[in-house]
Amino acid sequence: MSKCQMTIQLTDGTDLFLDKAKTAMGRAGGTLTGDTTSGNFHISTPMGKVAGNYSIAGSQVTINITDKPMLVGCGMIESMLRSQLS
């Protein structure tokens, strides 16, 4: 069961999205595994681990956060993800 769920509209295609996502995760010390249909990610932060999965259907990416620090809100995670992937 996800703790947070968000949908991002792709404007540049799935390959570019995945390149951006893998680069952003790598810069932050996390990992992203998967392909143009689905995958998983995790990253350690000073406040704790954030983990989740994604699925791509058409031009939409659905991101499910399955593990996050209790003190970090879904809005904060969504804002950070959107800024890193735009």
PDB file of N, CA and C in Angstrom:
ATOM      1  N   MET A   1       0.846  -1.180   0.000  1.00  0.00           N
ATOM      2  CA  MET A   1       0.000   0.000   0.000  1.00  0.00           C
ATOM      3  C   MET A   1       0.890   1.241   0.000  1.00  0.00           C
ATOM      4  N   SER A   2       0.544   2.201  -0.836  1.00  0.00           N
ATOM      5  CA  SER A   2       1.381   3.391  -0.910  1.00  0.00           C
ATOM      6  C   SER A   2       0.998   4.389   0.178  1.00  0.00           C
ATOM      7  N   LYS A   3       1.987   5.128   0.624  1.00  0.00           N
ATOM      8  CA  LYS A   3       1.768   6.177   1.602  1.00  0.00           C
ATOM      9  C   LYS A   3       1.449   7.491   0.899  1.00  0.00           C
ATOM     10  N   CYS A   4       1.951   7.633  -0.328  1.00  0.00           N
ATOM     11  CA  CYS A   4       1.696   8.808  -1.151  1.00  0.00           C
ATOM     12  C   CYS A   4       1.598   8.342  -2.599  1.00  0.00           C
ATOM     13  N   GLN A   5       0.770   8.994  -3.357  1.00  0.00           N
ATOM     14  CA  GLN A   5       0.692   8.687  -4.783  1.00  0.00           C
ATOM     15  C   GLN A   5       0.574   9.993  -5.546  1.00  0.00           C
ATOM     16  N   MET A   6       1.280  10.069  -6.670  1.00  0.00           N
ATOM     17  CA  MET A   6       1.212  11.259  -7.519  1.00  0.00           C
ATOM     18  C   MET A   6       1.302  10.848  -8.975  1.00  0.00           C
ATOM     19  N   THR A   7       0.786  11.690  -9.831  1.00  0.00           N
ATOM     20  CA  THR A   7       0.838  11.452 -11.268  1.00  0.00           C
ATOM     21  C   THR A   7       1.534  12.633 -11.922  1.00  0.00           C
ATOM     22  N   ILE A   8       2.464  12.321 -12.807  1.00  0.00           N
ATOM     23  CA  ILE A   8       3.196  13.350 -13.543  1.00  0.00           C
ATOM     24  C   ILE A   8       2.926  13.147 -15.023  1.00  0.00           C
ATOM     25  N   GLN A   9       2.574  14.227 -15.695  1.00  0.00           N
ATOM     26  CA  GLN A   9       2.343  14.188 -17.133  1.00  0.00           C
ATOM     27  C   GLN A   9       3.687  14.301 -17.854  1.00  0.00           C
ATOM     28  N   LEU A  10       3.971  13.367 -18.737  1.00  0.00           N
ATOM     29  CA  LEU A  10       5.221  13.406 -19.499  1.00  0.00           C
ATOM     30  C   LEU A  10       5.063  14.339 -20.680  1.00  0.00           C
ATOM     31  N   THR A  11       6.030  15.218 -20.847  1.00  0.00           N
ATOM     32  CA  THR A  11       6.013  16.123 -21.995  1.00  0.00           C
ATOM     33  C   THR A  11       7.148  15.813 -22.971  1.00  0.00           C
ATOM     34  N   ASP A  12       8.167  15.099 -22.494  1.00  0.00           N
ATOM     35  CA  ASP A  12       9.343  14.835 -23.322  1.00  0.00           C
ATOM     36  C   ASP A  12       9.562  13.362 -23.633  1.00  0.00           C
ATOM     37  N   GLY A  13       8.602  12.502 -23.323  1.00  0.00           N
ATOM     38  CA  GLY A  13       8.744  11.085 -23.617  1.00  0.00           C
ATOM     39  C   GLY A  13       9.320  10.298 -22.465  1.00  0.00           C
ATOM     40  N   THR A  14       9.127   8.996 -22.520  1.00  0.00           N
ATOM     41  CA  THR A  14       9.539   8.126 -21.411  1.00  0.00           C
ATOM     42  C   THR A  14      11.052   7.981 -21.291  1.00  0.00           C
ATOM     43  N   ASP A  15      11.752   7.923 -22.410  1.00  0.00           N
ATOM     44  CA  ASP A  15      13.212   7.760 -22.339  1.00  0.00           C
ATOM     45  C   ASP A  15      13.871   8.947 -21.651  1.00  0.00           C
ATOM     46  N   LEU A  16      13.464  10.161 -22.011  1.00  0.00           N
ATOM     47  CA  LEU A  16      14.037  11.350 -21.379  1.00  0.00           C
ATOM     48  C   LEU A  16      13.654  11.408 -19.900  1.00  0.00           C
ATOM     49  N   PHE A  17      12.421  11.040 -19.576  1.00  0.00           N
ATOM     50  CA  PHE A  17      11.999  10.992 -18.173  1.00  0.00           C
ATOM     51  C   PHE A  17      12.903  10.059 -17.377  1.00  0.00           C
ATOM     52  N   LEU A  18      13.127   8.864 -17.900  1.00  0.00           N
ATOM     53  CA  LEU A  18      13.969   7.895 -17.186  1.00  0.00           C
ATOM     54  C   LEU A  18      15.400   8.386 -17.053  1.00  0.00           C
ATOM     55  N   ASP A  19      15.940   9.005 -18.098  1.00  0.00           N
ATOM     56  CA  ASP A  19      17.294   9.564 -18.003  1.00  0.00           C
ATOM     57  C   ASP A  19      17.370  10.608 -16.892  1.00  0.00           C
ATOM     58  N   LYS A  20      16.391  11.520 -16.847  1.00  0.00           N
ATOM     59  CA  LYS A  20      16.368  12.548 -15.805  1.00  0.00           C
ATOM     60  C   LYS A  20      16.235  11.920 -14.423  1.00  0.00           C
ATOM     61  N   ALA A  21      15.338  10.944 -14.309  1.00  0.00           N
ATOM     62  CA  ALA A  21      15.098  10.316 -13.010  1.00  0.00           C
ATOM     63  C   ALA A  21      16.337   9.575 -12.516  1.00  0.00           C
ATOM     64  N   LYS A  22      16.984   8.817 -13.395  1.00  0.00           N
ATOM     65  CA  LYS A  22      18.184   8.075 -12.989  1.00  0.00           C
ATOM     66  C   LYS A  22      19.310   9.025 -12.617  1.00  0.00           C
ATOM     67  N   THR A  23      19.467  10.103 -13.366  1.00  0.00           N
ATOM     68  CA  THR A  23      20.502  11.093 -13.069  1.00  0.00           C
ATOM     69  C   THR A  23      20.231  11.754 -11.719  1.00  0.00           C
ATOM     70  N   ALA A  24      18.988  12.172 -11.485  1.00  0.00           N
ATOM     71  CA  ALA A  24      18.646  12.834 -10.220  1.00  0.00           C
ATOM     72  C   ALA A  24      18.853  11.891  -9.039  1.00  0.00           C
ATOM     73  N   MET A  25      18.425  10.643  -9.173  1.00  0.00           N
ATOM     74  CA  MET A  25      18.606   9.666  -8.095  1.00  0.00           C
ATOM     75  C   MET A  25      20.089   9.413  -7.829  1.00  0.00           C
ATOM     76  N   GLY A  26      20.863   9.280  -8.894  1.00  0.00           N
ATOM     77  CA  GLY A  26      22.300   9.050  -8.742  1.00  0.00           C
ATOM     78  C   GLY A  26      22.995  10.201  -8.046  1.00  0.00           C
ATOM     79  N   ARG A  27      22.652  11.436  -8.432  1.00  0.00           N
ATOM     80  CA  ARG A  27      23.247  12.618  -7.786  1.00  0.00           C
ATOM     81  C   ARG A  27      22.945  12.657  -6.302  1.00  0.00           C
ATOM     82  N   ALA A  28      21.775  12.169  -5.936  1.00  0.00           N
ATOM     83  CA  ALA A  28      21.361  12.205  -4.538  1.00  0.00           C
ATOM     84  C   ALA A  28      21.772  10.953  -3.761  1.00  0.00           C
ATOM     85  N   GLY A  29      22.476  10.024  -4.427  1.00  0.00           N
ATOM     86  CA  GLY A  29      22.944   8.829  -3.757  1.00  0.00           C
ATOM     87  C   GLY A  29      21.933   7.695  -3.715  1.00  0.00           C
ATOM     88  N   GLY A  30      20.884   7.797  -4.503  1.00  0.00           N
ATOM     89  CA  GLY A  30      19.865   6.748  -4.538  1.00  0.00           C
ATOM     90  C   GLY A  30      20.002   5.888  -5.776  1.00  0.00           C
ATOM     91  N   THR A  31      19.079   4.969  -5.932  1.00  0.00           N
ATOM     92  CA  THR A  31      19.072   4.117  -7.109  1.00  0.00           C
ATOM     93  C   THR A  31      17.673   4.044  -7.698  1.00  0.00           C
ATOM     94  N   LEU A  32      17.625   3.848  -8.990  1.00  0.00           N
ATOM     95  CA  LEU A  32      16.386   3.641  -9.712  1.00  0.00           C
ATOM     96  C   LEU A  32      16.615   2.488 -10.671  1.00  0.00           C
ATOM     97  N   THR A  33      15.785   1.477 -10.579  1.00  0.00           N
ATOM     98  CA  THR A  33      15.866   0.347 -11.494  1.00  0.00           C
ATOM     99  C   THR A  33      14.517   0.201 -12.178  1.00  0.00           C
ATOM    100  N   GLY A  34      14.557  -0.121 -13.442  1.00  0.00           N
ATOM    101  CA  GLY A  34      13.306  -0.305 -14.164  1.00  0.00           C
ATOM    102  C   GLY A  34      13.456   0.043 -15.624  1.00  0.00           C
ATOM    103  N   ASP A  35      12.329   0.121 -16.299  1.00  0.00           N
ATOM    104  CA  ASP A  35      12.327   0.409 -17.725  1.00  0.00           C
ATOM    105  C   ASP A  35      11.202   1.395 -18.049  1.00  0.00           C
ATOM    106  N   THR A  36      10.809   1.445 -19.315  1.00  0.00           N
ATOM    107  CA  THR A  36       9.823   2.429 -19.749  1.00  0.00           C
ATOM    108  C   THR A  36       8.389   2.048 -19.375  1.00  0.00           C
ATOM    109  N   THR A  37       8.210   0.983 -18.621  1.00  0.00           N
ATOM    110  CA  THR A  37       6.860   0.635 -18.159  1.00  0.00           C
ATOM    111  C   THR A  37       6.722   0.685 -16.640  1.00  0.00           C
ATOM    112  N   SER A  38       7.782   0.271 -15.907  1.00  0.00           N
ATOM    113  CA  SER A  38       7.691   0.284 -14.447  1.00  0.00           C
ATOM    114  C   SER A  38       9.065   0.106 -13.822  1.00  0.00           C
ATOM    115  N   GLY A  39       9.145   0.400 -12.533  1.00  0.00           N
ATOM    116  CA  GLY A  39      10.405   0.233 -11.823  1.00  0.00           C
ATOM    117  C   GLY A  39      10.286   0.616 -10.367  1.00  0.00           C
ATOM    118  N   ASN A  40      11.417   0.582  -9.682  1.00  0.00           N
ATOM    119  CA  ASN A  40      11.508   0.873  -8.251  1.00  0.00           C
ATOM    120  C   ASN A  40      12.640   1.856  -7.993  1.00  0.00           C
ATOM    121  N   PHE A  41      12.558   2.549  -6.873  1.00  0.00           N
ATOM    122  CA  PHE A  41      13.622   3.469  -6.486  1.00  0.00           C
ATOM    123  C   PHE A  41      13.709   3.538  -4.972  1.00  0.00           C
ATOM    124  N   HIS A  42      14.870   3.955  -4.501  1.00  0.00           N
ATOM    125  CA  HIS A  42      15.045   4.250  -3.082  1.00  0.00           C
ATOM    126  C   HIS A  42      16.191   5.221  -2.911  1.00  0.00           C
ATOM    127  N   ILE A  43      16.097   5.989  -1.847  1.00  0.00           N
ATOM    128  CA  ILE A  43      17.125   6.965  -1.534  1.00  0.00           C
ATOM    129  C   ILE A  43      17.156   7.151  -0.011  1.00  0.00           C
ATOM    130  N   SER A  44      18.339   7.315   0.517  1.00  0.00           N
ATOM    131  CA  SER A  44      18.489   7.606   1.937  1.00  0.00           C
ATOM    132  C   SER A  44      18.643   9.111   2.089  1.00  0.00           C
ATOM    133  N   THR A  45      17.909   9.677   3.020  1.00  0.00           N
ATOM    134  CA  THR A  45      17.995  11.105   3.302  1.00  0.00           C
ATOM    135  C   THR A  45      18.407  11.275   4.759  1.00  0.00           C
ATOM    136  N   PRO A  46      18.790  12.475   5.153  1.00  0.00           N
ATOM    137  CA  PRO A  46      19.126  12.691   6.565  1.00  0.00           C
ATOM    138  C   PRO A  46      17.965  12.369   7.510  1.00  0.00           C
ATOM    139  N   MET A  47      16.733  12.432   7.004  1.00  0.00           N
ATOM    140  CA  MET A  47      15.571  12.153   7.846  1.00  0.00           C
ATOM    141  C   MET A  47      15.133  10.692   7.780  1.00  0.00           C
ATOM    142  N   GLY A  48      15.687   9.925   6.830  1.00  0.00           N
ATOM    143  CA  GLY A  48      15.322   8.516   6.698  1.00  0.00           C
ATOM    144  C   GLY A  48      15.154   8.108   5.243  1.00  0.00           C
ATOM    145  N   LYS A  49      14.791   6.880   5.056  1.00  0.00           N
ATOM    146  CA  LYS A  49      14.674   6.286   3.722  1.00  0.00           C
ATOM    147  C   LYS A  49      13.361   6.678   3.035  1.00  0.00           C
ATOM    148  N   VAL A  50      13.472   6.952   1.727  1.00  0.00           N
ATOM    149  CA  VAL A  50      12.300   7.142   0.876  1.00  0.00           C
ATOM    150  C   VAL A  50      12.387   6.084  -0.204  1.00  0.00           C
ATOM    151  N   ALA A  51      11.328   5.308  -0.371  1.00  0.00           N
ATOM    152  CA  ALA A  51      11.310   4.243  -1.373  1.00  0.00           C
ATOM    153  C   ALA A  51       9.955   4.222  -2.054  1.00  0.00           C
ATOM    154  N   GLY A  52       9.958   3.712  -3.273  1.00  0.00           N
ATOM    155  CA  GLY A  52       8.698   3.627  -3.986  1.00  0.00           C
ATOM    156  C   GLY A  52       8.849   2.934  -5.316  1.00  0.00           C
ATOM    157  N   ASN A  53       7.805   3.061  -6.117  1.00  0.00           N
ATOM    158  CA  ASN A  53       7.798   2.472  -7.445  1.00  0.00           C
ATOM    159  C   ASN A  53       7.079   3.405  -8.399  1.00  0.00           C
ATOM    160  N   TYR A  54       7.242   3.132  -9.672  1.00  0.00           N
ATOM    161  CA  TYR A  54       6.564   3.939 -10.681  1.00  0.00           C
ATOM    162  C   TYR A  54       6.023   3.023 -11.763  1.00  0.00           C
ATOM    163  N   SER A  55       5.005   3.520 -12.446  1.00  0.00           N
ATOM    164  CA  SER A  55       4.492   2.838 -13.629  1.00  0.00           C
ATOM    165  C   SER A  55       4.155   3.907 -14.653  1.00  0.00           C
ATOM    166  N   ILE A  56       4.404   3.576 -15.912  1.00  0.00           N
ATOM    167  CA  ILE A  56       4.166   4.517 -17.004  1.00  0.00           C
ATOM    168  C   ILE A  56       3.098   3.930 -17.918  1.00  0.00           C
ATOM    169  N   ALA A  57       2.080   4.723 -18.178  1.00  0.00           N
ATOM    170  CA  ALA A  57       1.016   4.331 -19.104  1.00  0.00           C
ATOM    171  C   ALA A  57       0.752   5.523 -20.013  1.00  0.00           C
ATOM    172  N   GLY A  58       1.057   5.346 -21.280  1.00  0.00           N
ATOM    173  CA  GLY A  58       0.891   6.463 -22.216  1.00  0.00           C
ATOM    174  C   GLY A  58       1.828   7.589 -21.859  1.00  0.00           C
ATOM    175  N   SER A  59       1.252   8.760 -21.596  1.00  0.00           N
ATOM    176  CA  SER A  59       2.080   9.922 -21.275  1.00  0.00           C
ATOM    177  C   SER A  59       1.983  10.296 -19.798  1.00  0.00           C
ATOM    178  N   GLN A  60       1.622   9.320 -18.946  1.00  0.00           N
ATOM    179  CA  GLN A  60       1.534   9.591 -17.517  1.00  0.00           C
ATOM    180  C   GLN A  60       2.396   8.623 -16.711  1.00  0.00           C
ATOM    181  N   VAL A  61       3.068   9.187 -15.721  1.00  0.00           N
ATOM    182  CA  VAL A  61       3.837   8.386 -14.771  1.00  0.00           C
ATOM    183  C   VAL A  61       3.105   8.442 -13.439  1.00  0.00           C
ATOM    184  N   THR A  62       2.796   7.286 -12.885  1.00  0.00           N
ATOM    185  CA  THR A  62       2.210   7.207 -11.551  1.00  0.00           C
ATOM    186  C   THR A  62       3.316   6.770 -10.597  1.00  0.00           C
ATOM    187  N   ILE A  63       3.538   7.582  -9.579  1.00  0.00           N
ATOM    188  CA  ILE A  63       4.584   7.319  -8.598  1.00  0.00           C
ATOM    189  C   ILE A  63       3.924   7.005  -7.263  1.00  0.00           C
ATOM    190  N   ASN A  64       4.298   5.879  -6.700  1.00  0.00           N
ATOM    191  CA  ASN A  64       3.813   5.465  -5.382  1.00  0.00           C
ATOM    192  C   ASN A  64       4.981   5.475  -4.410  1.00  0.00           C
ATOM    193  N   ILE A  65       4.847   6.239  -3.339  1.00  0.00           N
ATOM    194  CA  ILE A  65       5.843   6.236  -2.275  1.00  0.00           C
ATOM    195  C   ILE A  65       5.391   5.189  -1.266  1.00  0.00           C
ATOM    196  N   THR A  66       6.201   4.164  -1.072  1.00  0.00           N
ATOM    197  CA  THR A  66       5.833   3.062  -0.190  1.00  0.00           C
ATOM    198  C   THR A  66       6.484   3.143   1.182  1.00  0.00           C
ATOM    199  N   ASP A  67       7.538   3.942   1.292  1.00  0.00           N
ATOM    200  CA  ASP A  67       8.229   4.105   2.571  1.00  0.00           C
ATOM    201  C   ASP A  67       8.788   5.505   2.630  1.00  0.00           C
ATOM    202  N   LYS A  68       8.540   6.198   3.735  1.00  0.00           N
ATOM    203  CA  LYS A  68       9.045   7.557   3.908  1.00  0.00           C
ATOM    204  C   LYS A  68       9.157   7.862   5.392  1.00  0.00           C
ATOM    205  N   PRO A  69       9.984   8.839   5.741  1.00  0.00           N
ATOM    206  CA  PRO A  69      10.053   9.248   7.143  1.00  0.00           C
ATOM    207  C   PRO A  69       8.710   9.826   7.592  1.00  0.00           C
ATOM    208  N   MET A  70       8.319   9.559   8.820  1.00  0.00           N
ATOM    209  CA  MET A  70       7.029  10.013   9.309  1.00  0.00           C
ATOM    210  C   MET A  70       6.898  11.533   9.264  1.00  0.00           C
ATOM    211  N   LEU A  71       7.971  12.241   9.480  1.00  0.00           N
ATOM    212  CA  LEU A  71       7.907  13.704   9.549  1.00  0.00           C
ATOM    213  C   LEU A  71       7.970  14.391   8.179  1.00  0.00           C
ATOM    214  N   VAL A  72       8.123  13.620   7.123  1.00  0.00           N
ATOM    215  CA  VAL A  72       8.190  14.191   5.770  1.00  0.00           C
ATOM    216  C   VAL A  72       6.840  13.972   5.093  1.00  0.00           C
ATOM    217  N   GLY A  73       6.196  15.069   4.724  1.00  0.00           N
ATOM    218  CA  GLY A  73       4.876  14.992   4.119  1.00  0.00           C
ATOM    219  C   GLY A  73       4.918  14.638   2.636  1.00  0.00           C
ATOM    220  N   CYS A  74       3.798  14.139   2.157  1.00  0.00           N
ATOM    221  CA  CYS A  74       3.691  13.774   0.739  1.00  0.00           C
ATOM    222  C   CYS A  74       3.884  14.991  -0.162  1.00  0.00           C
ATOM    223  N   GLY A  75       3.370  16.136   0.257  1.00  0.00           N
ATOM    224  CA  GLY A  75       3.525  17.354  -0.538  1.00  0.00           C
ATOM    225  C   GLY A  75       4.981  17.735  -0.724  1.00  0.00           C
ATOM    226  N   MET A  76       5.781  17.565   0.323  1.00  0.00           N
ATOM    227  CA  MET A  76       7.203  17.879   0.232  1.00  0.00           C
ATOM    228  C   MET A  76       7.896  16.938  -0.752  1.00  0.00           C
ATOM    229  N   ILE A  77       7.562  15.654  -0.688  1.00  0.00           N
ATOM    230  CA  ILE A  77       8.164  14.679  -1.596  1.00  0.00           C
ATOM    231  C   ILE A  77       7.748  14.973  -3.028  1.00  0.00           C
ATOM    232  N   GLU A  78       6.477  15.245  -3.254  1.00  0.00           N
ATOM    233  CA  GLU A  78       5.999  15.547  -4.600  1.00  0.00           C
ATOM    234  C   GLU A  78       6.666  16.786  -5.171  1.00  0.00           C
ATOM    235  N   SER A  79       6.788  17.825  -4.357  1.00  0.00           N
ATOM    236  CA  SER A  79       7.439  19.053  -4.802  1.00  0.00           C
ATOM    237  C   SER A  79       8.893  18.803  -5.201  1.00  0.00           C
ATOM    238  N   MET A  80       9.602  18.036  -4.393  1.00  0.00           N
ATOM    239  CA  MET A  80      11.003  17.728  -4.683  1.00  0.00           C
ATOM    240  C   MET A  80      11.117  16.904  -5.963  1.00  0.00           C
ATOM    241  N   LEU A  81      10.254  15.905  -6.123  1.00  0.00           N
ATOM    242  CA  LEU A  81      10.297  15.082  -7.332  1.00  0.00           C
ATOM    243  C   LEU A  81      10.002  15.908  -8.583  1.00  0.00           C
ATOM    244  N   ARG A  82       8.988  16.737  -8.514  1.00  0.00           N
ATOM    245  CA  ARG A  82       8.636  17.568  -9.679  1.00  0.00           C
ATOM    246  C   ARG A  82       9.779  18.520 -10.048  1.00  0.00           C
ATOM    247  N   SER A  83      10.435  19.089  -9.053  1.00  0.00           N
ATOM    248  CA  SER A  83      11.536  20.012  -9.362  1.00  0.00           C
ATOM    249  C   SER A  83      12.715  19.285  -9.976  1.00  0.00           C
ATOM    250  N   GLN A  84      12.986  18.068  -9.533  1.00  0.00           N
ATOM    251  CA  GLN A  84      14.111  17.306 -10.055  1.00  0.00           C
ATOM    252  C   GLN A  84      13.834  16.740 -11.463  1.00  0.00           C
ATOM    253  N   LEU A  85      12.570  16.519 -11.783  1.00  0.00           N
ATOM    254  CA  LEU A  85      12.235  15.878 -13.048  1.00  0.00           C
ATOM    255  C   LEU A  85      11.769  16.854 -14.119  1.00  0.00           C
ATOM    256  N   SER A  86      11.666  18.124 -13.782  1.00  0.00           N
ATOM    257  CA  SER A  86      11.204  19.097 -14.792  1.00  0.00           C
ATOM    258  C   SER A  86      12.335  19.622 -15.626  1.00  0.00           C
TER     259      SER A  86
END
